[in-house]
């Protein structure tokens, strides 16, 4: 949100003038102006006109908040998205000779700087502001989905906006099932910790103990269960050309192992953090091997069941699932299109299932009330262990934001073309925020952040 402070002036230097021209073109959103500014780059690379227009649609453009460094040929500083609370740091370098073409431009998301605080609201003010934002964003097609906010187990806000099926003109409701992407990781990690609690898994054991027939023996002997849970195993991703070529053939978790199981580790396990969908895919296989059940049956019986999540699941995309929305994406250009051609055969232990905002609130309550794990293992599940580039810590299938102890919260998001979701759980103030959308990221993330950044201090 704009603070209303006086506008920050860009320096009258070659770098400053190039940045000012870029910002003006982006914020204007005019195709001709954007084409003109792209000609200022020495090497355009992937800076295509449609990509920049799409970027402007997602962000709403930027407001310049601070110049951090200024030299004739370099400028850096802070900007804030007009569509959200998100801050970014930019750095631009230009050539020495006229016309001072841009040779480097970096724009990276950063945590909101402390010098730009957002005023906290009381609960009634916040719920009114949230409703106003949702109505505004849905009218502008920036949000389509459902939102639920609860405190101490009681729902204090709920609403649904936009269309679940645009062709059939079916509106989203609180019963609409949205694809949740990587939010499945919370259910997978909970399942693993249940098996730890039962004495059937030891976190320090190597993967190979539970999958003895894993194709790459060195891989399986090095990476541990805990490293898979914290994305420190070096196990890589599943998305890319191989996934695209075999998307419809990957029907079971073992199919993924058959496709990717011979490749090596990307780095020494435990040496750094790098988000790994394949690591959580492997955790699903561990659940199957240890429990003797399919991953889906195990989660249904041991996570969804105790939590009362009757509307959640991972049935295949080919099956008719009542109230499951269609996802709509702008990726690829050409306006909003169904995301059908990007979807896997079915969700996995790494992500891709579906849920409702009500079920997510039920899951949050089940976690905090120890319905799925005892107190010790709940703390183990949700307490951050490894720093991430986002400025928060990764626990086991949960992100843990403990930068401000009074507002510590944990949860997980999910995002892919035509889907975005966020769940945030505040153990101290007892707030739970669940947002699901059938639009591209960060449709749900913007709404969740809006609430998180303005919650009252109890």
Protein backbone atom coordinates (compact mmCIF):
# COMPACT_ATOMS: atom_id res chain seq x y z
CA UNK A 1 0.00 0.00 0.00
CA UNK A 2 1.24 3.45 -0.78
CA UNK A 3 2.41 5.37 2.26
CA UNK A 4 1.52 8.75 0.83
CA UNK A 5 5.06 10.01 1.52
CA UNK A 6 6.75 12.49 -0.80
CA UNK A 7 7.97 11.01 -4.07
CA UNK A 8 11.63 9.98 -4.20
CA UNK A 9 13.54 11.73 -6.96
CA UNK A 10 15.92 9.80 -9.20
CA UNK A 11 19.38 11.33 -9.64
CA UNK A 12 20.12 13.18 -12.88
CA UNK A 13 22.83 10.73 -13.85
CA UNK A 14 23.02 8.40 -16.87
CA UNK A 15 22.05 5.45 -14.66
CA UNK A 16 19.36 7.43 -12.87
CA UNK A 17 17.77 8.60 -16.08
CA UNK A 18 17.73 5.09 -17.55
CA UNK A 19 16.09 3.72 -14.42
CA UNK A 20 13.55 6.54 -14.40
CA UNK A 21 12.70 5.81 -18.03
CA UNK A 22 12.29 2.08 -17.27
CA UNK A 23 10.04 2.78 -14.28
CA UNK A 24 7.90 5.23 -16.24
CA UNK A 25 7.48 2.79 -19.12
CA UNK A 26 6.59 -0.12 -16.81
CA UNK A 27 4.12 1.90 -14.76
CA UNK A 28 2.48 3.34 -17.87
CA UNK A 29 1.84 -0.12 -19.31
CA UNK A 30 1.79 1.23 -22.88
CA UNK A 31 3.11 -1.29 -25.41
CA UNK A 32 4.90 1.31 -27.55
CA UNK A 33 6.58 2.82 -24.49
CA UNK A 34 7.66 -0.63 -23.28
CA UNK A 35 9.05 -1.48 -26.72
CA UNK A 36 10.97 1.79 -26.56
CA UNK A 37 12.55 1.12 -23.17
CA UNK A 38 13.55 -2.41 -24.19
CA UNK A 39 15.66 -0.84 -26.92
CA UNK A 40 17.72 0.77 -24.11
CA UNK A 41 19.10 -2.64 -23.09
CA UNK A 42 22.40 -3.63 -24.70
CA UNK A 43 21.35 -7.28 -24.65
CA UNK A 44 17.60 -7.73 -24.52
CA UNK A 45 17.85 -11.44 -23.85
CA UNK A 46 14.47 -12.62 -22.58
CA UNK A 47 13.11 -9.12 -21.98
CA UNK A 48 10.25 -9.52 -24.43
CA UNK A 49 7.44 -7.00 -24.66
CA UNK A 50 4.71 -9.47 -23.63
CA UNK A 51 6.78 -10.57 -20.65
CA UNK A 52 7.17 -7.01 -19.40
CA UNK A 53 3.48 -6.30 -19.95
CA UNK A 54 2.60 -9.44 -18.00
CA UNK A 55 5.00 -8.39 -15.24
CA UNK A 56 3.26 -5.03 -15.05
CA UNK A 57 -0.15 -6.73 -14.83
CA UNK A 58 1.01 -8.93 -11.95
CA UNK A 59 2.70 -6.18 -9.96
CA UNK A 60 0.71 -3.08 -10.96
CA UNK A 61 4.06 -1.37 -11.45
CA UNK A 62 6.30 0.01 -8.71
CA UNK A 63 6.74 3.05 -6.49
CA UNK A 64 10.31 4.17 -5.87
CA UNK A 65 10.87 4.22 -2.10
CA UNK A 66 14.60 4.82 -1.62
CA UNK A 67 17.86 5.36 -3.51
CA UNK A 68 20.55 3.33 -1.75
CA UNK A 69 23.49 3.91 -4.11
CA UNK A 70 24.00 6.42 -6.87
CA UNK A 71 26.98 6.81 -9.19
CA UNK A 72 27.08 8.05 -12.78
CA UNK A 73 26.92 4.52 -14.19
CA UNK A 74 25.17 2.63 -11.38
CA UNK A 75 22.02 3.06 -9.32
CA UNK A 76 20.39 0.85 -6.73
CA UNK A 77 17.50 1.22 -4.35
CA UNK A 78 14.15 -0.02 -3.09
CA UNK A 79 10.78 -0.19 -4.82
CA UNK A 80 7.37 -1.44 -3.70
CA UNK A 81 4.77 -3.18 -5.83
CA UNK A 82 1.64 -1.11 -6.34
CA UNK A 83 -0.55 -4.23 -6.14
CA UNK A 84 0.84 -5.49 -2.84
CA UNK A 85 3.03 -4.86 0.20
CA UNK A 86 6.00 -6.54 -1.52
CA UNK A 87 9.36 -4.75 -1.65
CA UNK A 88 12.22 -5.37 -4.07
CA UNK A 89 15.80 -4.16 -4.41
CA UNK A 90 17.00 -3.05 -7.84
CA UNK A 91 20.48 -2.52 -9.25
CA UNK A 92 21.10 -1.05 -12.70
CA UNK A 93 24.44 -0.56 -14.50
CA UNK A 94 24.80 1.38 -17.76
CA UNK A 95 27.53 1.75 -20.38
CA UNK A 96 30.08 4.55 -20.19
CA UNK A 97 29.44 5.82 -23.71
CA UNK A 98 26.31 7.61 -24.86
CA UNK A 99 23.49 6.53 -25.13
CA UNK A 100 24.44 4.66 -21.91
CA UNK A 101 22.68 1.41 -22.72
CA UNK A 102 21.67 -0.79 -19.79
CA UNK A 103 24.16 -3.64 -19.35
CA UNK A 104 22.78 -5.07 -16.09
CA UNK A 105 19.46 -4.83 -14.30
CA UNK A 106 18.61 -6.93 -11.25
CA UNK A 107 15.30 -6.78 -9.40
CA UNK A 108 15.05 -9.09 -6.39
CA UNK A 109 12.27 -9.58 -3.85
CA UNK A 110 13.31 -8.75 -0.28
CA UNK A 111 11.59 -8.81 3.14
CA UNK A 112 9.88 -5.52 3.93
CA UNK A 113 12.52 -3.15 5.39
CA UNK A 114 11.92 -2.06 8.99
CA UNK A 115 12.09 1.59 7.94
CA UNK A 116 8.84 1.14 5.99
CA UNK A 117 6.44 -0.26 8.61
CA UNK A 118 2.78 -0.98 7.93
CA UNK A 119 0.36 0.30 10.53
CA UNK A 120 -1.35 -2.47 12.48
CA UNK A 121 -5.16 -2.40 12.63
CA UNK A 122 -7.65 -3.58 15.16
CA UNK A 123 -9.59 -6.68 14.19
CA UNK A 124 -12.74 -4.91 12.97
CA UNK A 125 -10.74 -2.41 10.91
CA UNK A 126 -8.70 -5.20 9.34
CA UNK A 127 -11.67 -7.34 8.39
CA UNK A 128 -13.34 -4.31 6.78
CA UNK A 129 -10.12 -3.43 4.92
CA UNK A 130 -9.74 -7.04 3.80
CA UNK A 131 -13.27 -7.13 2.40
CA UNK A 132 -12.65 -3.87 0.55
CA UNK A 133 -9.39 -5.18 -0.93
CA UNK A 134 -10.96 -8.46 -2.01
CA UNK A 135 -13.85 -6.68 -3.72
CA UNK A 136 -11.45 -4.33 -5.47
CA UNK A 137 -9.01 -7.06 -6.55
CA UNK A 138 -11.72 -9.43 -7.74
CA UNK A 139 -13.36 -6.66 -9.77
CA UNK A 140 -9.98 -6.05 -11.44
CA UNK A 141 -9.49 -9.83 -12.01
CA UNK A 142 -6.47 -9.85 -9.70
CA UNK A 143 -8.12 -12.29 -7.31
CA UNK A 144 -10.47 -15.21 -7.79
CA UNK A 145 -10.86 -17.66 -4.95
CA UNK A 146 -11.84 -18.03 -1.31
CA UNK A 147 -10.59 -16.63 1.99
CA UNK A 148 -11.12 -17.65 5.60
CA UNK A 149 -9.68 -16.06 8.74
CA UNK A 150 -10.18 -17.67 12.14
CA UNK A 151 -9.15 -16.83 15.68
CA UNK A 152 -9.09 -19.34 18.52
CA UNK A 153 -10.99 -21.76 16.29
CA UNK A 154 -13.79 -19.30 15.48
CA UNK A 155 -14.21 -18.00 11.93
CA UNK A 156 -14.12 -14.18 11.89
CA UNK A 157 -14.03 -13.68 8.11
CA UNK A 158 -15.06 -15.77 5.13
CA UNK A 159 -15.74 -14.96 1.53
CA UNK A 160 -15.56 -16.28 -2.03
CA UNK A 161 -14.93 -14.25 -5.16
CA UNK A 162 -14.69 -14.72 -8.90
CA UNK A 163 -15.50 -17.73 -11.06
CA UNK A 164 -14.74 -21.41 -10.54
CA UNK A 165 -15.66 -22.09 -14.19
CA UNK A 166 -15.75 -19.08 -16.49
CA UNK A 167 -17.26 -20.92 -19.42
CA UNK A 168 -20.17 -22.25 -17.37
CA UNK A 169 -20.33 -19.06 -15.26
CA UNK A 170 -20.08 -21.00 -12.00
CA UNK A 171 -18.98 -18.78 -9.10
CA UNK A 172 -16.43 -19.71 -6.48
CA UNK A 173 -17.94 -20.57 -3.09
CA UNK A 174 -16.55 -21.57 0.28
CA UNK A 175 -17.10 -25.19 -0.81
CA UNK A 176 -15.03 -24.78 -3.99
CA UNK A 177 -12.02 -27.10 -4.13
CA UNK A 178 -8.87 -25.38 -5.36
CA UNK A 179 -5.62 -27.00 -6.42
CA UNK A 180 -3.10 -26.24 -3.71
CA UNK A 181 0.30 -26.91 -5.31
CA UNK A 182 3.09 -27.36 -2.78
CA UNK A 183 0.80 -27.06 0.23
CA UNK A 184 0.66 -30.88 0.07
CA UNK A 185 4.14 -30.80 1.61
CA UNK A 186 2.58 -30.00 4.99
CA UNK A 187 0.55 -33.22 4.84
CA UNK A 188 3.59 -35.24 3.71
CA UNK A 189 5.79 -33.91 6.51
CA UNK A 190 3.02 -34.55 9.05
CA UNK A 191 2.81 -38.15 7.81
CA UNK A 192 6.56 -38.66 8.16
CA UNK A 193 6.53 -37.25 11.71
CA UNK A 194 3.64 -39.56 12.61
CA UNK A 195 5.80 -42.50 11.55
CA UNK A 196 8.71 -41.03 13.54
CA UNK A 197 6.42 -40.71 16.56
CA UNK A 198 5.43 -44.36 16.10
CA UNK A 199 9.10 -45.40 16.10
CA UNK A 200 9.00 -46.58 12.48
CA UNK A 201 11.30 -43.89 11.02
CA UNK A 202 14.46 -42.26 12.37
CA UNK A 203 15.17 -38.80 10.97
CA UNK A 204 18.93 -39.33 10.74
CA UNK A 205 18.59 -42.54 8.72
CA UNK A 206 19.56 -42.49 5.04
CA UNK A 207 16.89 -42.75 2.36
CA UNK A 208 18.26 -46.15 1.32
CA UNK A 209 17.19 -47.75 4.60
CA UNK A 210 13.55 -47.28 3.59
CA UNK A 211 13.94 -47.59 -0.19
CA UNK A 212 16.65 -50.29 -0.47
CA UNK A 213 16.05 -50.75 -4.21
CA UNK A 214 16.60 -47.07 -5.03
CA UNK A 215 18.41 -46.95 -8.42
CA UNK A 216 21.31 -44.63 -7.42
CA UNK A 217 22.87 -46.33 -4.40
CA UNK A 218 25.28 -43.49 -3.55
CA UNK A 219 22.40 -41.00 -3.62
CA UNK A 220 20.29 -43.17 -1.33
CA UNK A 221 23.14 -43.80 1.12
CA UNK A 222 24.01 -40.11 1.58
CA UNK A 223 20.77 -38.16 1.91
CA UNK A 224 18.85 -38.48 5.17
CA UNK A 225 15.13 -38.21 5.91
CA UNK A 226 15.69 -34.97 7.81
CA UNK A 227 17.57 -33.47 4.85
CA UNK A 228 14.67 -34.34 2.57
CA UNK A 229 12.27 -32.66 5.00
CA UNK A 230 14.35 -29.46 5.10
CA UNK A 231 15.31 -29.22 1.38
CA UNK A 232 18.99 -29.66 2.19
CA UNK A 233 19.49 -33.02 0.49
CA UNK A 234 20.61 -31.81 -2.95
CA UNK A 235 17.91 -33.92 -4.59
CA UNK A 236 16.85 -31.46 -7.32
CA UNK A 237 13.50 -30.82 -8.92
CA UNK A 238 11.03 -32.78 -11.02
CA UNK A 239 9.94 -30.02 -13.38
CA UNK A 240 11.56 -29.37 -16.75
CA UNK A 241 11.80 -31.04 -20.17
CA UNK A 242 11.65 -34.59 -18.76
CA UNK A 243 8.49 -33.85 -16.82
CA UNK A 244 6.89 -32.14 -19.82
CA UNK A 245 7.68 -35.13 -22.03
CA UNK A 246 6.27 -37.68 -19.55
CA UNK A 247 3.64 -35.60 -17.72
CA UNK A 248 0.69 -37.91 -18.47
CA UNK A 249 2.71 -41.11 -17.91
CA UNK A 250 3.73 -40.24 -14.33
CA UNK A 251 0.83 -41.87 -12.51
CA UNK A 252 2.37 -43.22 -9.29
CA UNK A 253 5.11 -41.99 -6.99
CA UNK A 254 7.24 -44.93 -8.12
CA UNK A 255 6.92 -43.71 -11.72
CA UNK A 256 8.82 -40.58 -10.70
CA UNK A 257 11.55 -42.69 -9.08
CA UNK A 258 11.80 -44.77 -12.26
CA UNK A 259 12.26 -41.58 -14.30
CA UNK A 260 14.61 -39.62 -12.03
CA UNK A 261 16.15 -42.24 -9.74
CA UNK A 262 19.41 -42.75 -11.61
CA UNK A 263 20.56 -39.13 -11.48
CA UNK A 264 23.06 -37.96 -8.89
CA UNK A 265 22.92 -35.40 -6.13
CA UNK A 266 23.20 -31.73 -7.08
CA UNK A 267 25.29 -30.88 -4.01
CA UNK A 268 26.62 -32.52 -0.88
CA UNK A 269 23.66 -33.24 1.43
CA UNK A 270 23.45 -30.81 4.32
CA UNK A 271 25.73 -28.21 2.72
CA UNK A 272 22.99 -25.74 1.73
CA UNK A 273 19.27 -25.15 1.24
CA UNK A 274 17.61 -25.55 -2.14
CA UNK A 275 13.90 -26.16 -2.63
CA UNK A 276 13.37 -29.70 -3.90
CA UNK A 277 10.06 -31.10 -5.09
CA UNK A 278 11.79 -34.40 -5.79
CA UNK A 279 12.87 -34.64 -2.17
CA UNK A 280 9.24 -34.50 -1.02
CA UNK A 281 8.25 -36.92 -3.78
CA UNK A 282 10.73 -39.36 -2.21
CA UNK A 283 9.25 -38.77 1.24
CA UNK A 284 5.92 -39.93 -0.16
CA UNK A 285 7.59 -43.14 -1.32
CA UNK A 286 9.01 -43.57 2.19
CA UNK A 287 5.50 -43.22 3.63
CA UNK A 288 4.33 -45.97 1.27
CA UNK A 289 7.22 -48.33 2.04
CA UNK A 290 7.00 -47.91 5.82
CA UNK A 291 3.21 -47.90 6.19
CA UNK A 292 2.44 -50.53 3.56
CA UNK A 293 -0.28 -48.26 2.14
CA UNK A 294 -0.43 -45.95 -0.83
CA UNK A 295 0.56 -42.40 0.03
CA UNK A 296 -2.99 -41.26 -0.75
CA UNK A 297 -4.64 -43.84 1.53
CA UNK A 298 -2.22 -43.05 4.34
CA UNK A 299 -2.90 -39.30 4.20
CA UNK A 300 -6.66 -39.84 3.93
CA UNK A 301 -6.70 -42.05 7.01
CA UNK A 302 -4.10 -40.35 9.19
CA UNK A 303 -4.16 -36.65 8.28
CA UNK A 304 -7.40 -35.74 6.53
CA UNK A 305 -9.47 -38.08 8.71
CA UNK A 306 -8.39 -36.88 12.17
CA UNK A 307 -8.52 -33.25 10.99
CA UNK A 308 -12.01 -33.59 9.52
CA UNK A 309 -10.86 -32.61 6.02
CA UNK A 310 -13.61 -34.31 4.01
CA UNK A 311 -13.20 -32.04 0.96
CA UNK A 312 -9.45 -32.57 0.43
CA UNK A 313 -7.70 -35.10 -1.77
CA UNK A 314 -5.58 -35.87 -4.80
CA UNK A 315 -7.90 -37.72 -7.16
CA UNK A 316 -6.69 -37.77 -10.75
CA UNK A 317 -7.34 -34.92 -13.14
CA UNK A 318 -9.37 -37.31 -15.30
CA UNK A 319 -11.88 -37.99 -12.53
CA UNK A 320 -14.92 -35.82 -11.93
CA UNK A 321 -14.44 -34.10 -8.59
CA UNK A 322 -17.53 -32.13 -7.49
CA UNK A 323 -16.82 -28.45 -6.85
CA UNK A 324 -13.23 -28.61 -8.17
CA UNK A 325 -12.48 -25.29 -9.85
CA UNK A 326 -10.74 -24.73 -13.15
CA UNK A 327 -7.42 -22.93 -12.87
CA UNK A 328 -6.79 -19.96 -15.16
CA UNK A 329 -3.36 -18.75 -16.18
CA UNK A 330 -1.87 -15.80 -18.03
CA UNK A 331 1.48 -17.54 -18.47
CA UNK A 332 2.28 -17.90 -22.14
CA UNK A 333 0.41 -14.74 -23.13
CA UNK A 334 -2.93 -14.42 -24.85
CA UNK A 335 -5.00 -13.61 -21.76
CA UNK A 336 -6.52 -16.00 -19.25
CA UNK A 337 -6.60 -19.64 -20.36
CA UNK A 338 -7.41 -22.88 -18.50
CA UNK A 339 -4.26 -24.45 -17.05
CA UNK A 340 -5.29 -27.95 -18.14
CA UNK A 341 -2.20 -28.59 -20.28
CA UNK A 342 0.15 -27.94 -17.35
CA UNK A 343 -1.40 -30.31 -14.81
CA UNK A 344 0.11 -33.64 -13.73
CA UNK A 345 -1.88 -36.87 -13.88
CA UNK A 346 -2.59 -36.41 -10.16
CA UNK A 347 -1.17 -34.62 -7.15
CA UNK A 348 1.79 -36.13 -5.32
CA UNK A 349 3.52 -35.93 -1.96
CA UNK A 350 5.34 -32.86 -3.33
CA UNK A 351 2.15 -31.04 -4.29
CA UNK A 352 -0.81 -30.82 -6.61
CA UNK A 353 -3.77 -31.96 -4.51
CA UNK A 354 -6.87 -29.89 -3.80
CA UNK A 355 -8.61 -28.51 -0.73
CA UNK A 356 -10.97 -25.83 0.54
CA UNK A 357 -10.24 -22.90 2.84
CA UNK A 358 -12.41 -24.50 5.50
CA UNK A 359 -10.43 -27.75 5.34
CA UNK A 360 -7.16 -25.83 5.62
CA UNK A 361 -8.41 -24.10 8.76
CA UNK A 362 -9.40 -27.52 10.10
CA UNK A 363 -5.89 -28.80 9.37
CA UNK A 364 -4.37 -25.81 11.18
CA UNK A 365 -6.56 -26.51 14.20
CA UNK A 366 -5.64 -30.20 14.12
CA UNK A 367 -1.94 -29.32 14.13
CA UNK A 368 -2.13 -26.79 16.96
CA UNK A 369 -4.52 -28.94 19.04
CA UNK A 370 -2.32 -32.02 18.64
CA UNK A 371 -4.91 -34.11 16.82
CA UNK A 372 -2.36 -35.37 14.28
CA UNK A 373 0.86 -35.31 16.34
CA UNK A 374 1.79 -35.05 20.00
CA UNK A 375 3.14 -31.76 21.36
CA UNK A 376 6.82 -32.64 21.01
CA UNK A 377 6.53 -33.76 17.40
CA UNK A 378 4.26 -30.84 16.52
CA UNK A 379 7.00 -28.49 17.71
CA UNK A 380 9.57 -30.49 15.72
CA UNK A 381 7.35 -30.29 12.62
CA UNK A 382 6.77 -26.53 12.71
CA UNK A 383 9.95 -24.99 14.21
CA UNK A 384 12.34 -23.52 11.65
CA UNK A 385 15.70 -25.21 11.17
CA UNK A 386 17.35 -23.84 8.02
CA UNK A 387 17.54 -20.27 6.73
CA UNK A 388 16.09 -19.65 3.27
CA UNK A 389 16.63 -16.81 0.76
CA UNK A 390 13.14 -15.52 1.62
CA UNK A 391 14.33 -14.47 5.07
CA UNK A 392 12.29 -17.16 6.86
CA UNK A 393 13.35 -20.57 8.16
CA UNK A 394 12.27 -23.92 6.76
CA UNK A 395 11.00 -26.46 9.27
CA UNK A 396 9.61 -29.84 8.10
CA UNK A 397 7.18 -29.01 5.29
CA UNK A 398 6.41 -25.68 6.98
CA UNK A 399 7.90 -22.22 6.60
CA UNK A 400 8.55 -20.59 10.01
CA UNK A 401 8.64 -16.79 10.11
CA UNK A 402 9.99 -15.86 13.53
CA UNK A 403 11.50 -12.46 12.66
CA UNK A 404 9.10 -10.82 15.15
CA UNK A 405 8.35 -13.08 18.10
CA UNK A 406 5.00 -11.37 18.71
CA UNK A 407 3.88 -12.25 15.20
CA UNK A 408 5.63 -15.57 14.65
CA UNK A 409 3.71 -17.72 12.19
CA UNK A 410 4.21 -20.92 10.25
CA UNK A 411 2.56 -22.54 7.24
CA UNK A 412 3.19 -23.20 3.59
CA UNK A 413 2.13 -21.86 0.23
CA UNK A 414 1.66 -23.38 -3.18
CA UNK A 415 1.80 -21.95 -6.64
CA UNK A 416 1.83 -22.97 -10.29
CA UNK A 417 0.08 -21.74 -13.43
CA UNK A 418 -3.56 -21.16 -12.54
CA UNK A 419 -3.26 -21.99 -8.83
CA UNK A 420 -2.05 -20.29 -5.66
CA UNK A 421 -2.64 -20.89 -1.98
CA UNK A 422 -1.39 -19.83 1.45
CA UNK A 423 -1.94 -21.09 4.99
CA UNK A 424 -0.56 -19.10 7.93
CA UNK A 425 -0.87 -20.22 11.55
CA UNK A 426 -0.14 -17.87 14.46
CA UNK A 427 0.50 -19.95 17.61
CA UNK A 428 0.61 -16.95 19.97
CA UNK A 429 -2.42 -14.93 18.86
CA UNK A 430 -4.32 -18.01 17.59
CA UNK A 431 -5.08 -16.52 14.18
CA UNK A 432 -5.30 -18.77 11.12
CA UNK A 433 -5.36 -17.35 7.57
CA UNK A 434 -6.31 -19.57 4.63
CA UNK A 435 -6.42 -18.23 1.07
CA UNK A 436 -6.92 -20.24 -2.12
CA UNK A 437 -7.08 -18.95 -5.69
CA UNK A 438 -7.57 -20.36 -9.18
CA UNK A 439 -5.35 -17.67 -10.71
CA UNK A 440 -1.58 -17.44 -11.11
CA UNK A 441 0.66 -16.60 -8.16
CA UNK A 442 0.77 -14.33 -6.27
CA UNK A 443 -3.03 -13.90 -6.28
CA UNK A 444 -3.48 -15.68 -2.93
CA UNK A 445 -0.13 -14.60 -1.53
CA UNK A 446 -1.01 -10.92 -1.86
CA UNK A 447 -4.18 -11.40 0.18
CA UNK A 448 -2.47 -13.48 2.85
CA UNK A 449 0.34 -10.93 3.17
CA UNK A 450 -2.19 -8.10 3.40
CA UNK A 451 -3.75 -9.74 6.47
CA UNK A 452 -0.47 -10.88 8.04
CA UNK A 453 1.07 -7.43 7.78
CA UNK A 454 -1.86 -5.74 9.54
CA UNK A 455 -2.86 -8.20 12.26
CA UNK A 456 -3.35 -6.55 15.66
CA UNK A 457 -0.78 -7.10 18.37
CA UNK A 458 -2.42 -8.97 21.22
